[in-house]
Protein backbone atom coordinates (compact mmCIF):
# COMPACT_ATOMS: atom_id res chain seq x y z
CA MET A 1 -69.90 -8.75 -17.62
CA GLY A 2 -73.14 -6.78 -17.56
CA ALA A 3 -75.81 -6.39 -14.92
CA ALA A 4 -76.01 -10.15 -14.26
CA PRO A 5 -72.45 -11.49 -13.76
CA ASP A 6 -71.73 -15.05 -14.83
CA HIS A 7 -70.57 -16.34 -11.44
CA GLN A 8 -69.74 -19.78 -12.81
CA ARG A 9 -67.42 -18.24 -15.38
CA LEU A 10 -65.84 -15.96 -12.75
CA ALA A 11 -65.31 -18.93 -10.44
CA ALA A 12 -63.63 -20.83 -13.26
CA ASP A 13 -61.52 -18.01 -14.76
CA VAL A 14 -60.50 -16.16 -11.57
CA LEU A 15 -60.66 -18.78 -8.82
CA GLY A 16 -59.84 -21.85 -10.90
CA ILE A 17 -62.98 -23.67 -9.69
CA ARG A 18 -64.78 -25.25 -12.63
CA GLY A 19 -68.22 -26.86 -12.71
CA ALA A 20 -69.50 -25.21 -9.51
CA PRO A 21 -73.33 -24.99 -9.27
CA PRO A 22 -74.67 -21.42 -9.74
CA ASP A 23 -75.43 -20.78 -6.04
CA LEU A 24 -72.04 -22.12 -4.90
CA ALA A 25 -70.24 -20.14 -7.61
CA ARG A 26 -71.99 -16.95 -6.49
CA ARG A 27 -70.98 -17.53 -2.83
CA LEU A 28 -67.38 -18.31 -3.79
CA VAL A 29 -67.08 -15.13 -5.83
CA ALA A 30 -68.62 -13.04 -3.02
CA GLN A 31 -66.20 -14.53 -0.49
CA ALA A 32 -63.27 -13.82 -2.80
CA LEU A 33 -64.32 -10.18 -3.18
CA VAL A 34 -64.60 -9.77 0.60
CA LEU A 35 -61.20 -11.40 1.08
CA GLU A 36 -59.56 -9.14 -1.50
CA ASP A 37 -61.08 -6.06 0.14
CA ARG A 38 -59.76 -7.24 3.53
CA ARG A 39 -56.34 -7.79 1.99
CA GLU A 40 -56.16 -4.16 0.85
CA THR A 41 -57.18 -2.96 4.33
CA TRP A 42 -54.54 -5.25 5.84
CA ARG A 43 -51.87 -3.96 3.43
CA ARG A 44 -52.63 -0.31 4.18
CA ALA A 45 -52.59 -0.99 7.92
CA GLY A 46 -49.24 -2.72 7.55
CA ASP A 47 -47.73 0.24 5.70
CA ARG A 48 -48.89 2.63 8.42
CA ILE A 49 -47.71 0.44 11.30
CA CYS A 50 -44.31 -0.32 9.83
CA ARG A 51 -43.58 3.33 9.08
CA ALA A 52 -44.07 4.18 12.75
CA ALA A 53 -42.24 1.21 14.30
CA PRO A 54 -38.70 1.88 15.61
CA ALA A 55 -35.66 -0.26 14.79
CA SER A 56 -35.18 -1.27 18.42
CA PRO A 57 -35.88 -4.33 20.62
CA GLY A 58 -39.35 -4.60 22.05
CA VAL A 59 -42.60 -6.42 22.70
CA TYR A 60 -45.58 -5.81 20.44
CA VAL A 61 -49.32 -6.51 20.32
CA MET A 62 -51.21 -6.92 17.04
CA LYS A 63 -54.85 -5.76 17.28
CA ASP A 64 -58.04 -5.89 15.25
CA ALA A 65 -60.37 -2.99 14.45
CA GLY A 66 -62.12 -3.41 17.79
CA GLY A 67 -58.88 -3.09 19.72
CA ARG A 68 -58.77 -6.77 20.67
CA ALA A 69 -55.32 -8.37 20.94
CA LEU A 70 -54.66 -10.97 18.24
CA TYR A 71 -51.00 -11.76 18.80
CA VAL A 72 -48.17 -10.85 21.18
CA GLY A 73 -44.54 -11.15 20.13
CA LYS A 74 -41.02 -10.01 20.97
CA THR A 75 -38.15 -9.02 18.70
CA VAL A 76 -34.73 -7.38 18.54
CA ASP A 77 -36.00 -5.03 15.80
CA LEU A 78 -39.64 -3.93 15.95
CA GLY A 79 -39.71 -2.37 12.50
CA ARG A 80 -38.18 -5.38 10.78
CA ARG A 81 -40.36 -7.92 12.56
CA LEU A 82 -43.59 -6.04 11.83
CA ARG A 83 -42.62 -5.75 8.17
CA THR A 84 -42.37 -9.54 7.99
CA HIS A 85 -45.90 -9.83 9.44
CA PHE A 86 -47.27 -7.63 6.66
CA ALA A 87 -45.16 -8.89 3.76
CA ASP A 88 -47.28 -9.62 0.67
CA ARG A 89 -45.97 -13.19 0.50
CA ARG A 90 -47.50 -13.88 3.93
CA TRP A 91 -51.09 -13.16 2.88
CA ARG A 92 -52.07 -16.52 1.37
CA ALA A 93 -50.79 -18.49 4.37
CA LEU A 94 -52.01 -15.98 6.95
CA LYS A 95 -54.16 -17.26 9.82
CA PRO A 96 -57.71 -15.86 9.65
CA GLU A 97 -57.27 -13.98 12.94
CA MET A 98 -54.09 -12.24 11.74
CA ALA A 99 -55.86 -11.14 8.56
CA ARG A 100 -57.97 -8.88 10.80
CA ALA A 101 -54.89 -7.05 12.13
CA VAL A 102 -55.19 -3.29 11.56
CA ASP A 103 -53.15 -1.86 14.42
CA ALA A 104 -50.18 -2.60 16.67
CA GLU A 105 -48.79 -1.31 19.94
CA TRP A 106 -45.27 -1.88 21.24
CA GLN A 107 -43.01 -1.29 24.19
CA GLU A 108 -39.28 -0.89 23.69
CA VAL A 109 -37.07 -2.90 26.05
CA GLY A 110 -33.41 -2.92 26.99
CA SER A 111 -32.68 -6.63 27.35
CA GLU A 112 -33.68 -10.10 26.28
CA ILE A 113 -34.89 -11.08 29.74
CA GLU A 114 -37.15 -8.01 29.95
CA ALA A 115 -38.63 -8.91 26.55
CA LEU A 116 -39.23 -12.52 27.65
CA LEU A 117 -41.04 -11.44 30.82
CA ARG A 118 -43.13 -8.68 29.28
CA GLU A 119 -44.18 -10.92 26.39
CA ALA A 120 -45.27 -13.71 28.76
CA ALA A 121 -47.10 -11.24 31.02
CA LEU A 122 -49.02 -9.78 28.07
CA ILE A 123 -49.96 -13.22 26.77
CA HIS A 124 -51.29 -14.10 30.23
CA GLU A 125 -53.21 -10.83 30.48
CA LEU A 126 -54.61 -10.56 26.95
CA GLN A 127 -55.01 -14.24 25.95
CA PRO A 128 -54.48 -13.50 22.24
CA PRO A 129 -55.98 -16.23 20.01
CA VAL A 130 -52.97 -16.60 17.70
CA ASN A 131 -50.44 -17.32 20.46
CA VAL A 132 -50.25 -21.04 21.16
CA GLN A 133 -49.01 -20.95 24.76
CA THR A 134 -51.10 -18.83 27.12
CA ALA A 135 -50.26 -20.48 30.46
CA ALA A 136 -47.44 -19.52 32.82
CA PRO A 137 -44.39 -21.82 32.66
CA ASP A 138 -44.15 -24.71 35.10
CA LEU A 139 -41.66 -24.05 37.90
CA SER A 140 -41.07 -27.77 38.48
CA THR A 141 -40.01 -28.58 34.93
CA ARG A 142 -38.43 -25.40 33.62
CA VAL A 143 -35.06 -25.56 35.43
CA PRO A 144 -33.24 -27.86 37.88
CA ARG A 145 -34.44 -27.38 41.45
CA ALA A 146 -30.92 -26.55 42.65
CA LEU A 147 -30.94 -23.39 40.52
CA VAL A 148 -34.26 -22.09 41.82
CA ARG A 149 -33.56 -19.41 44.44
CA ASP A 150 -34.53 -15.81 45.15
CA ILE A 151 -32.43 -13.55 42.92
CA LEU A 152 -32.20 -9.92 41.84
CA VAL A 153 -30.82 -9.34 38.34
CA VAL A 154 -29.52 -5.98 37.11
CA ALA A 155 -30.30 -5.65 33.38
CA PRO A 156 -29.87 -2.87 30.80
CA SER A 157 -32.78 -0.49 30.27
CA ILE A 158 -34.05 1.06 27.08
CA GLU A 159 -33.14 4.36 28.77
CA ALA A 160 -29.38 4.78 28.62
CA ASP A 161 -29.15 6.42 32.06
CA SER A 162 -31.13 3.68 33.82
CA VAL A 163 -31.17 -0.04 34.63
CA GLU A 164 -33.94 -2.57 35.15
CA LEU A 165 -34.01 -4.40 38.49
CA ILE A 166 -35.57 -7.81 37.85
CA GLY A 167 -36.56 -9.88 40.86
CA ALA A 168 -37.47 -13.57 40.77
CA GLY A 169 -38.74 -15.54 43.77
CA VAL A 170 -38.74 -19.23 44.53
CA ASP A 171 -42.55 -19.01 44.76
CA GLY A 172 -42.72 -17.98 41.11
CA ARG A 173 -43.30 -14.24 41.56
CA TRP A 174 -41.38 -11.66 39.57
CA MET A 175 -40.92 -7.89 39.40
CA ILE A 176 -39.31 -5.23 37.22
CA GLN A 177 -38.32 -1.82 38.58
CA ARG A 178 -36.48 0.88 36.61
CA THR A 179 -33.92 2.94 38.51
CA ARG A 180 -31.46 5.69 37.57
CA ARG A 181 -27.76 4.87 37.47
CA ASN A 182 -26.94 8.17 39.17
CA GLY A 183 -28.59 6.89 42.35
CA ALA A 184 -31.34 9.53 42.42
CA ASP A 185 -34.09 7.01 43.23
CA VAL A 186 -32.05 4.07 44.52
CA ALA A 187 -33.34 4.51 48.11
CA VAL A 188 -36.96 4.09 46.99
CA GLN A 189 -36.11 1.15 44.73
CA ALA A 190 -34.13 -0.56 47.51
CA GLN A 191 -37.21 -0.45 49.75
CA ARG A 192 -39.39 -1.91 46.98
CA VAL A 193 -36.92 -4.72 46.40
CA MET A 194 -36.82 -5.57 50.09
CA ARG A 195 -40.61 -5.59 50.31
CA PHE A 196 -40.75 -7.89 47.30
CA PHE A 197 -38.43 -10.48 48.81
CA HIS A 198 -39.12 -10.05 52.52
CA GLY A 199 -42.68 -8.71 52.67
CA ALA A 200 -45.44 -10.58 54.47
CA LEU A 201 -47.58 -10.83 51.31
CA ARG A 202 -45.70 -13.39 49.22
CA VAL A 203 -48.09 -14.20 46.38
CA HIS A 204 -50.52 -11.86 44.63
CA VAL A 205 -53.72 -13.47 43.38
CA GLY A 206 -53.93 -13.45 39.60
CA GLN A 207 -50.27 -12.60 39.04
CA PRO A 208 -48.62 -14.87 36.44
CA LEU A 209 -45.78 -16.79 38.09
CA LEU A 210 -43.04 -16.07 35.57
CA ALA A 211 -39.94 -16.44 37.73
CA PRO A 212 -39.09 -19.75 35.95
CA ILE A 213 -38.37 -17.66 32.85
CA VAL A 214 -35.72 -15.76 34.80
CA PHE A 215 -34.16 -18.93 36.26
CA SER A 216 -34.06 -20.60 32.84
CA TRP A 217 -32.51 -17.51 31.22
CA LEU A 218 -29.85 -17.27 33.95
CA GLN A 219 -28.97 -20.90 33.37
CA ARG A 220 -28.29 -20.29 29.67
CA ARG A 221 -28.11 -16.97 27.84
CA GLY A 222 -28.05 -14.88 31.02
CA GLU A 223 -25.26 -16.78 32.68
CA LYS A 224 -22.95 -13.73 32.67
CA SER A 225 -25.54 -11.25 33.92
CA THR A 226 -25.03 -9.22 37.09
CA ARG A 227 -27.08 -10.44 40.04
CA LEU A 228 -27.50 -10.04 43.78
CA ASP A 229 -28.70 -12.49 46.43
CA PRO A 230 -31.38 -10.59 48.42
CA HIS A 231 -30.82 -12.80 51.47
CA ASP A 232 -27.25 -11.53 51.79
CA VAL A 233 -28.76 -8.13 52.58
CA GLY A 234 -30.15 -7.44 56.04
CA SER A 235 -31.91 -4.09 55.56
CA ALA A 236 -33.12 -1.56 53.00
CA ARG A 237 -30.14 0.62 53.90
CA GLU A 238 -27.72 -2.18 53.07
CA MET A 239 -29.62 -2.98 49.86
CA ARG A 240 -29.33 0.68 48.91
CA ALA A 241 -25.55 0.59 49.42
CA ARG A 242 -25.17 -2.62 47.39
CA LEU A 243 -27.24 -1.27 44.52
CA ALA A 244 -25.44 2.08 44.53
CA ALA A 245 -22.09 0.29 44.25
CA LEU A 246 -23.33 -1.79 41.31
CA LEU A 247 -24.83 1.16 39.46
CA ALA A 248 -21.66 3.24 39.84
CA ASP A 249 -19.37 0.47 38.56
CA ASP A 250 -18.10 1.12 35.03
CA ARG A 251 -17.91 -2.63 34.45
CA LEU A 252 -21.67 -3.06 34.75
CA PHE A 253 -22.99 -4.88 31.64
CA ILE A 254 -19.43 -5.42 30.43
CA GLU A 255 -18.73 -8.29 32.81
CA ARG A 256 -20.67 -10.13 35.50
CA LEU A 257 -20.68 -8.44 38.90
CA ASP A 258 -21.71 -10.31 42.05
CA GLN A 259 -22.47 -8.37 45.22
CA ARG A 260 -22.06 -10.63 48.26
């Protein structure tokens, strides 16, 4: 269109905005050019991220060019979920913050309950602007009071030779510890579990109180999960024996096992 573009014509022909004053037309065209350039950057970033993402369950963090977290999510298939974030059809309805996404990090997980906890912990830590809920769940309203009790859940791990020990306390605290099924580190993990439930320091300042997520999951989708009551165990030695028996049982993760 020559050295002096007709911004009013561009606004009408390209953007569908007719009759805009010259200054407004110029600003609208400039904004459209910036947006289109950002879209290409976003598309290239999406191609790169999705090529690297595995087809496995996990928790992911979308980031901008400065490394700031924009969004935290969980999924049963990281590659598939990230492809939906960067699908061309999503661009026009994309939130402005998500349009700045140029990178992503993820952590593979072995179970739904691990994904729920790690997602909530990351939202609490990073406070991403796109996530709506950034506060820890309310212990008093999440599950019936009768179901709130100290519990240790044995969940699958992303590592085939390991399990995740997930502790939830009536005071809202939670923990995740990975341990080998062959018992190589079960003595150390048994001591950590006992300290978690029976230690003098009950609440850590700044820790998100996410145990209600565990209680709620056990009430519904995790009803058949294997669990252990830590108050049925009198010492780290006994905890070690209980855990070793669970880890050596071929029925683990096939049916619910209770150690009493």
